[in-house]
Amino acid sequence: MGAKLPERLLARRSFVGGSMLAFAMSRVIAQDAGSINSRMQGDFSPVHDPTIIKQGDTYYLFCTTSRGDAGGFIACRRSRDLVNWEKAGFVFAQVPGWALVDVPGARGIWAPDISFFNGLYHLYYSVSTFGSNHSVIGLTTNKTLDPANPGFGWVDRGLVVRSRKSDRFNAIDPNLFIDRKGKHWLSWGSFWDGLMMARIDPQTGKRRDDKKPLHLAGRPAPKGEPSPIEAPFIISRADYYYLFASFDFCCRGAKSTYFTVCGRSREVTGPYVDATGRAMLEGGGSVVIQGNERFKGTGHNAFLREGETDYLVYHAYDTEQGGRPNLRISPISWTPDGWPRAEL
């Protein structure tokens, strides 16, 4: 690895754009990079709930394990160029015992999030049962992501966040973010009252305290109906923090209605508003990407910054493959007033 530190490509630094010239140049870069999806090959499907990081010259992608995958939970894939992908094993051989005690009946591990801080790779993960908010978020760490490295080995650190049926949030879909002041935050949430956030101790990767979590975003729904918002992801760009989220319904194959939205705030804790000024706590969200006739359910995004180009990393259900979830990596174009847009 040499002197180059491994870095999480999740917009940890800000950069300034905004002029028409810079915007035009970014669109040229985006168009040149837009062939990633058309050229992608190897083991890029099935992929659901992707999260990505780069160590050295290799990208590592983690995702929810498909029902068809045998051998473990939280599948890992790797690539040198974002186009050619190969399998690289699993994080877990089985669901951790502590999580099965906390969530009886759980049969899988979902929605990982990968980051690097305090000299370790931190992978946050979710354990739950479908449609329930009786859930936990756990943490496992590793010194390296290269299985051939002698220091490789995942160490489970246990519980980070818990939710019960009496709570108005669901402890799944975690995302770790480090703000411009160096503070560590974990956001999470799926349905119920929406997206939440709490401070994280960088030494342990766990919550700093048991204070009530902050409420970032929600989506009002008619009484008795679900509130379809989930999968928060936060980045920093220029003077703003951007909160990405997924609206509507995933996990229905070709019938999925998922799409990705965002809002922004000058403070990491919000309030986040969309391009029209509507608060995300009141259901606001500017569309970043939405499906087409072939690719449905474009959601559960991560964010990748490579040089001066930003990418949206997400899954979409391919109707030409019976609704199979595929990895998609789409370049982002930023509007002159600072809003992200991505195309399939």
Protein backbone atom coordinates (compact mmCIF):
# COMPACT_ATOMS: atom_id res chain seq x y z
CA MET A 1 0.00 0.00 0.00
CA GLY A 2 3.03 2.25 0.46
CA ALA A 3 2.54 5.72 1.90
CA LYS A 4 -0.93 6.13 0.46
CA LEU A 5 -3.54 5.81 3.16
CA PRO A 6 -6.69 3.82 2.38
CA GLU A 7 -9.57 6.21 1.96
CA ARG A 8 -13.31 6.00 1.97
CA LEU A 9 -14.53 7.63 -1.20
CA LEU A 10 -17.60 9.22 0.36
CA ALA A 11 -16.93 12.91 -0.09
CA ARG A 12 -14.93 13.45 3.10
CA ARG A 13 -13.53 16.65 1.68
CA SER A 14 -15.43 19.47 0.05
CA PHE A 15 -14.69 21.10 -3.26
CA VAL A 16 -16.06 24.15 -4.92
CA GLY A 17 -17.88 24.26 -8.23
CA GLY A 18 -20.70 26.41 -9.33
CA SER A 19 -19.60 28.25 -12.43
CA MET A 20 -21.15 27.41 -15.77
CA LEU A 21 -17.72 26.40 -17.08
CA ALA A 22 -17.11 23.99 -14.20
CA PHE A 23 -20.58 22.54 -14.65
CA ALA A 24 -20.02 22.03 -18.38
CA MET A 25 -16.69 20.33 -17.72
CA SER A 26 -18.29 18.05 -15.12
CA ARG A 27 -20.90 17.01 -17.68
CA VAL A 28 -18.15 16.10 -20.17
CA ILE A 29 -16.42 14.00 -17.52
CA ALA A 30 -19.74 12.39 -16.63
CA GLN A 31 -20.50 11.55 -20.25
CA ASP A 32 -17.07 10.01 -20.72
CA ALA A 33 -17.56 7.95 -17.57
CA GLY A 34 -21.11 6.96 -18.39
CA SER A 35 -20.03 3.78 -20.15
CA ILE A 36 -19.28 2.01 -16.86
CA ASN A 37 -22.71 0.39 -16.70
CA SER A 38 -22.74 -0.61 -20.37
CA ARG A 39 -19.28 -2.21 -20.03
CA MET A 40 -19.70 -3.79 -16.59
CA GLN A 41 -18.97 -7.52 -16.51
CA GLY A 42 -18.13 -10.37 -14.18
CA ASP A 43 -19.83 -10.82 -10.79
CA PHE A 44 -21.83 -7.60 -10.58
CA SER A 45 -25.17 -9.35 -10.11
CA PRO A 46 -27.05 -10.05 -7.92
CA VAL A 47 -26.10 -7.00 -5.85
CA HIS A 48 -28.47 -5.37 -3.36
CA ASP A 49 -27.73 -2.45 -0.97
CA PRO A 50 -24.17 -1.79 -2.20
CA THR A 51 -21.47 0.08 -0.29
CA ILE A 52 -18.00 0.76 -1.69
CA ILE A 53 -14.50 1.72 -0.59
CA LYS A 54 -11.04 1.80 -2.15
CA GLN A 55 -7.93 0.25 -0.62
CA GLY A 56 -4.78 0.86 -2.63
CA ASP A 57 -5.65 0.22 -6.27
CA THR A 58 -8.67 -2.01 -5.57
CA TYR A 59 -12.33 -1.16 -5.01
CA TYR A 60 -14.16 -3.36 -2.53
CA LEU A 61 -17.93 -3.57 -2.66
CA PHE A 62 -20.11 -5.10 0.06
CA CYS A 63 -23.80 -5.89 -0.25
CA THR A 64 -26.73 -7.74 1.24
CA THR A 65 -26.35 -11.45 0.55
CA SER A 66 -28.65 -12.81 -2.11
CA ARG A 67 -30.81 -15.82 -1.35
CA GLY A 68 -28.92 -17.59 -4.11
CA ASP A 69 -25.52 -16.98 -2.52
CA ALA A 70 -24.20 -19.91 -0.51
CA GLY A 71 -21.35 -19.75 1.94
CA GLY A 72 -21.96 -16.73 4.10
CA PHE A 73 -23.49 -13.31 4.72
CA ILE A 74 -22.54 -9.87 3.40
CA ALA A 75 -20.97 -10.69 0.07
CA CYS A 76 -17.77 -8.92 -0.97
CA ARG A 77 -16.77 -8.15 -4.55
CA ARG A 78 -13.70 -6.37 -5.85
CA SER A 79 -12.52 -4.56 -8.97
CA ARG A 80 -9.53 -2.58 -10.19
CA ASP A 81 -11.51 -0.47 -12.67
CA LEU A 82 -15.20 -0.46 -11.55
CA VAL A 83 -16.01 -2.45 -14.70
CA ASN A 84 -14.65 -5.97 -14.13
CA TRP A 85 -15.91 -7.49 -10.87
CA GLU A 86 -15.06 -10.71 -9.08
CA LYS A 87 -16.31 -12.32 -5.88
CA ALA A 88 -14.09 -11.97 -2.82
CA GLY A 89 -15.83 -14.04 -0.18
CA PHE A 90 -18.17 -13.11 2.67
CA VAL A 91 -17.81 -11.12 5.87
CA PHE A 92 -19.78 -13.58 8.05
CA ALA A 93 -20.08 -17.35 8.00
CA GLN A 94 -23.24 -17.09 10.11
CA VAL A 95 -25.41 -14.53 11.86
CA PRO A 96 -23.63 -13.47 15.10
CA GLY A 97 -25.00 -15.20 18.18
CA TRP A 98 -25.66 -11.97 20.07
CA ALA A 99 -27.83 -10.72 17.20
CA LEU A 100 -29.89 -13.92 17.15
CA VAL A 101 -30.53 -13.49 20.86
CA ASP A 102 -31.58 -9.88 20.30
CA VAL A 103 -33.67 -10.62 17.20
CA PRO A 104 -35.08 -14.16 17.38
CA GLY A 105 -36.09 -15.44 13.98
CA ALA A 106 -33.51 -13.44 12.02
CA ARG A 107 -32.13 -15.39 9.08
CA GLY A 108 -29.84 -12.91 7.38
CA ILE A 109 -27.64 -9.81 7.56
CA TRP A 110 -28.57 -6.75 5.53
CA ALA A 111 -27.48 -3.37 4.25
CA PRO A 112 -23.78 -3.03 5.15
CA ASP A 113 -21.85 0.24 5.29
CA ILE A 114 -18.04 0.39 5.00
CA SER A 115 -15.72 3.15 6.23
CA PHE A 116 -12.12 3.61 7.38
CA PHE A 117 -11.10 5.47 10.52
CA ASN A 118 -8.92 5.01 13.59
CA GLY A 119 -6.69 2.60 11.64
CA LEU A 120 -9.45 0.09 10.94
CA TYR A 121 -12.09 -0.68 8.37
CA HIS A 122 -15.49 -0.44 10.02
CA LEU A 123 -18.38 -2.38 8.54
CA TYR A 124 -21.77 -1.61 10.06
CA TYR A 125 -24.56 -4.10 9.34
CA SER A 126 -28.24 -4.76 10.06
CA VAL A 127 -30.05 -7.79 11.49
CA SER A 128 -33.84 -7.89 11.45
CA THR A 129 -36.84 -9.73 10.04
CA PHE A 130 -38.70 -8.36 7.04
CA GLY A 131 -41.34 -5.76 7.88
CA SER A 132 -40.41 -5.49 11.56
CA ASN A 133 -38.60 -2.76 13.51
CA HIS A 134 -37.35 -5.27 16.07
CA SER A 135 -33.84 -4.75 14.72
CA VAL A 136 -30.17 -4.21 15.55
CA ILE A 137 -27.18 -2.56 13.91
CA GLY A 138 -23.85 -4.21 14.63
CA LEU A 139 -20.20 -3.48 13.85
CA THR A 140 -17.32 -5.61 12.65
CA THR A 141 -13.79 -4.36 11.92
CA ASN A 142 -10.76 -5.42 9.93
CA LYS A 143 -7.18 -4.21 9.50
CA THR A 144 -7.27 -4.84 5.76
CA LEU A 145 -9.76 -5.81 3.06
CA ASP A 146 -7.31 -7.96 1.13
CA PRO A 147 -7.94 -11.63 2.03
CA ALA A 148 -4.36 -12.46 1.03
CA ASN A 149 -2.93 -10.07 3.62
CA PRO A 150 -1.71 -11.86 6.80
CA GLY A 151 -3.52 -9.24 8.91
CA PHE A 152 -6.91 -9.98 7.34
CA GLY A 153 -9.69 -11.04 9.69
CA TRP A 154 -13.07 -9.64 10.67
CA VAL A 155 -13.59 -8.99 14.39
CA ASP A 156 -17.20 -8.56 15.45
CA ARG A 157 -17.69 -5.71 17.94
CA GLY A 158 -21.36 -6.35 18.65
CA LEU A 159 -24.29 -4.03 19.16
CA VAL A 160 -24.30 -0.36 18.10
CA VAL A 161 -28.01 0.56 17.82
CA ARG A 162 -31.16 -1.32 18.81
CA SER A 163 -34.85 -0.72 18.06
CA ARG A 164 -37.91 -2.45 19.49
CA LYS A 165 -41.52 -2.63 18.37
CA SER A 166 -42.33 0.20 20.79
CA ASP A 167 -39.88 2.53 19.01
CA ARG A 168 -40.82 4.88 16.18
CA PHE A 169 -37.72 4.06 14.14
CA ASN A 170 -36.10 0.96 12.64
CA ALA A 171 -32.42 0.22 13.35
CA ILE A 172 -31.34 -0.88 9.87
CA ASP A 173 -29.59 0.72 6.87
CA PRO A 174 -26.64 2.33 8.70
CA ASN A 175 -24.29 4.94 7.23
CA LEU A 176 -21.17 6.31 8.95
CA PHE A 177 -20.16 9.90 8.19
CA ILE A 178 -17.35 12.15 9.46
CA ASP A 179 -18.23 15.83 9.34
CA ARG A 180 -15.95 18.79 8.58
CA LYS A 181 -15.19 19.19 12.30
CA GLY A 182 -14.06 15.58 12.58
CA LYS A 183 -17.15 14.42 14.46
CA HIS A 184 -18.37 10.91 13.69
CA TRP A 185 -22.06 10.23 13.08
CA LEU A 186 -24.16 7.19 12.30
CA SER A 187 -27.43 7.66 10.43
CA TRP A 188 -29.98 4.90 9.88
CA GLY A 189 -33.64 4.21 9.33
CA SER A 190 -36.31 2.45 7.30
CA PHE A 191 -40.02 3.34 7.29
CA TRP A 192 -41.73 4.19 10.64
CA ASP A 193 -40.81 7.83 11.46
CA GLY A 194 -37.92 7.80 9.02
CA LEU A 195 -34.22 8.58 9.26
CA MET A 196 -32.29 9.07 12.50
CA MET A 197 -28.77 10.05 13.56
CA ALA A 198 -26.50 9.71 16.62
CA ARG A 199 -22.90 10.57 17.54
CA ILE A 200 -20.27 7.84 17.33
CA ASP A 201 -17.11 7.48 19.41
CA PRO A 202 -14.24 7.18 16.89
CA GLN A 203 -12.23 5.04 19.31
CA THR A 204 -14.86 2.33 19.64
CA GLY A 205 -17.11 2.85 16.63
CA LYS A 206 -20.06 2.67 19.05
CA ARG A 207 -22.52 5.33 20.20
CA ARG A 208 -21.07 7.98 22.48
CA ASP A 209 -24.16 8.09 24.70
CA ASP A 210 -27.75 6.90 25.00
CA LYS A 211 -29.35 10.23 24.15
CA LYS A 212 -32.45 10.20 22.00
CA PRO A 213 -31.36 10.06 18.35
CA LEU A 214 -31.79 13.08 16.13
CA HIS A 215 -34.58 12.97 13.56
CA LEU A 216 -33.28 13.79 10.06
CA ALA A 217 -36.10 12.98 7.63
CA GLY A 218 -39.56 11.49 7.45
CA ARG A 219 -42.30 10.94 4.96
CA PRO A 220 -45.86 11.47 6.19
CA ALA A 221 -48.26 8.71 5.19
CA PRO A 222 -52.00 8.15 5.65
CA LYS A 223 -52.95 6.52 8.94
CA GLY A 224 -52.30 2.80 8.80
CA GLU A 225 -50.07 3.10 5.74
CA PRO A 226 -46.27 2.60 5.71
CA SER A 227 -43.96 5.60 5.39
CA PRO A 228 -41.69 4.60 2.49
CA ILE A 229 -38.33 6.27 3.21
CA GLU A 230 -35.08 4.54 4.11
CA ALA A 231 -31.34 4.09 3.51
CA PRO A 232 -29.74 7.44 4.48
CA PHE A 233 -26.36 8.42 3.07
CA ILE A 234 -24.60 11.71 3.90
CA ILE A 235 -21.84 13.50 2.00
CA SER A 236 -20.16 16.91 2.15
CA ARG A 237 -19.76 19.18 -0.85
CA ALA A 238 -18.81 22.87 -0.93
CA ASP A 239 -20.78 24.63 1.83
CA TYR A 240 -23.42 21.95 2.28
CA TYR A 241 -24.09 18.54 3.68
CA TYR A 242 -26.29 16.38 1.44
CA LEU A 243 -28.62 13.71 2.77
CA PHE A 244 -29.53 11.03 0.23
CA ALA A 245 -32.45 8.70 0.84
CA SER A 246 -34.57 6.12 -0.98
CA PHE A 247 -38.30 6.68 -1.46
CA ASP A 248 -41.04 4.13 -2.13
CA PHE A 249 -40.63 0.34 -2.29
CA CYS A 250 -37.71 -1.98 -2.95
CA CYS A 251 -37.46 -5.76 -2.91
CA ARG A 252 -40.29 -6.39 -5.37
CA GLY A 253 -38.13 -7.19 -8.38
CA ALA A 254 -39.48 -5.66 -11.59
CA LYS A 255 -42.40 -4.21 -9.62
CA SER A 256 -40.13 -2.16 -7.34
CA THR A 257 -40.83 1.59 -7.24
CA TYR A 258 -37.70 2.69 -5.35
CA PHE A 259 -35.91 5.91 -6.36
CA THR A 260 -33.21 8.14 -4.87
CA VAL A 261 -33.71 11.68 -3.57
CA CYS A 262 -31.69 14.19 -1.57
CA GLY A 263 -31.84 17.35 0.47
CA ARG A 264 -29.12 19.60 1.82
CA SER A 265 -28.23 21.61 4.92
CA ARG A 266 -25.40 23.82 6.11
CA GLU A 267 -25.33 21.79 9.34
CA VAL A 268 -24.80 18.03 9.41
CA THR A 269 -27.71 17.66 11.83
CA GLY A 270 -30.11 19.50 9.50
CA PRO A 271 -32.64 20.73 8.76
CA TYR A 272 -32.34 19.22 5.28
CA VAL A 273 -34.45 20.76 2.52
CA ASP A 274 -34.91 19.94 -1.16
CA ALA A 275 -34.47 22.24 -4.17
CA THR A 276 -37.94 23.73 -3.64
CA GLY A 277 -37.23 24.48 0.02
CA ARG A 278 -39.44 21.69 1.36
CA ALA A 279 -38.04 20.07 4.50
CA MET A 280 -37.15 16.39 4.36
CA LEU A 281 -38.80 16.04 7.76
CA GLU A 282 -42.03 16.87 5.94
CA GLY A 283 -41.50 14.52 3.01
CA GLY A 284 -39.29 16.72 0.84
CA GLY A 285 -36.64 15.30 -1.45
CA SER A 286 -35.26 16.29 -4.86
CA VAL A 287 -35.00 13.40 -7.32
CA VAL A 288 -31.44 12.28 -8.03
CA ILE A 289 -32.19 9.19 -10.11
CA GLN A 290 -35.30 7.26 -11.08
CA GLY A 291 -35.82 4.03 -12.99
CA ASN A 292 -36.84 3.46 -16.59
CA GLU A 293 -38.63 0.67 -18.43
CA ARG A 294 -35.70 -1.71 -18.09
CA PHE A 295 -34.13 -0.78 -14.75
CA LYS A 296 -36.61 -0.44 -11.89
CA GLY A 297 -36.14 0.50 -8.26
CA THR A 298 -33.00 2.66 -8.41
CA GLY A 299 -32.09 3.00 -4.76
CA HIS A 300 -30.12 2.28 -1.59
CA ASN A 301 -27.26 4.36 -2.87
CA ALA A 302 -23.70 4.86 -1.78
CA PHE A 303 -21.43 7.65 -3.05
CA LEU A 304 -18.02 7.38 -4.66
CA ARG A 305 -15.63 10.25 -5.34
CA GLU A 306 -12.85 9.50 -7.81
CA GLY A 307 -10.69 12.53 -8.54
CA GLU A 308 -13.05 15.29 -9.65
CA THR A 309 -15.81 12.89 -10.68
CA ASP A 310 -18.62 11.77 -8.36
CA TYR A 311 -20.57 8.56 -8.81
CA LEU A 312 -23.83 7.25 -7.47
CA VAL A 313 -23.46 3.57 -6.54
CA TYR A 314 -26.81 1.80 -6.20
CA HIS A 315 -28.86 -1.23 -7.17
CA ALA A 316 -31.58 -1.51 -9.80
CA TYR A 317 -33.81 -4.41 -10.83
CA ASP A 318 -33.25 -5.51 -14.43
CA THR A 319 -36.55 -6.42 -16.11
CA GLU A 320 -34.64 -8.25 -18.85
CA GLN A 321 -33.28 -10.59 -16.16
CA GLY A 322 -36.57 -11.23 -14.40
CA GLY A 323 -36.13 -8.36 -11.93
CA ARG A 324 -32.65 -9.42 -10.78
CA PRO A 325 -30.88 -6.71 -8.69
CA ASN A 326 -27.77 -5.40 -10.45
CA LEU A 327 -24.95 -3.14 -9.37
CA ARG A 328 -25.11 0.26 -11.11
CA ILE A 329 -22.50 3.04 -11.03
CA SER A 330 -23.68 6.30 -12.59
CA PRO A 331 -21.70 9.54 -12.83
CA ILE A 332 -23.25 12.54 -11.10
CA SER A 333 -23.68 15.92 -12.76
CA TRP A 334 -24.07 18.88 -10.39
CA THR A 335 -26.40 21.68 -11.44
CA PRO A 336 -25.08 25.26 -11.30
CA ASP A 337 -26.98 25.79 -8.03
CA GLY A 338 -25.50 22.66 -6.50
CA TRP A 339 -27.96 19.79 -6.91
CA PRO A 340 -26.91 16.26 -7.94
CA ARG A 341 -28.42 14.47 -10.93
CA ALA A 342 -27.56 11.00 -12.22
CA GLU A 343 -28.73 9.07 -15.26
CA LEU A 344 -29.08 5.35 -15.79
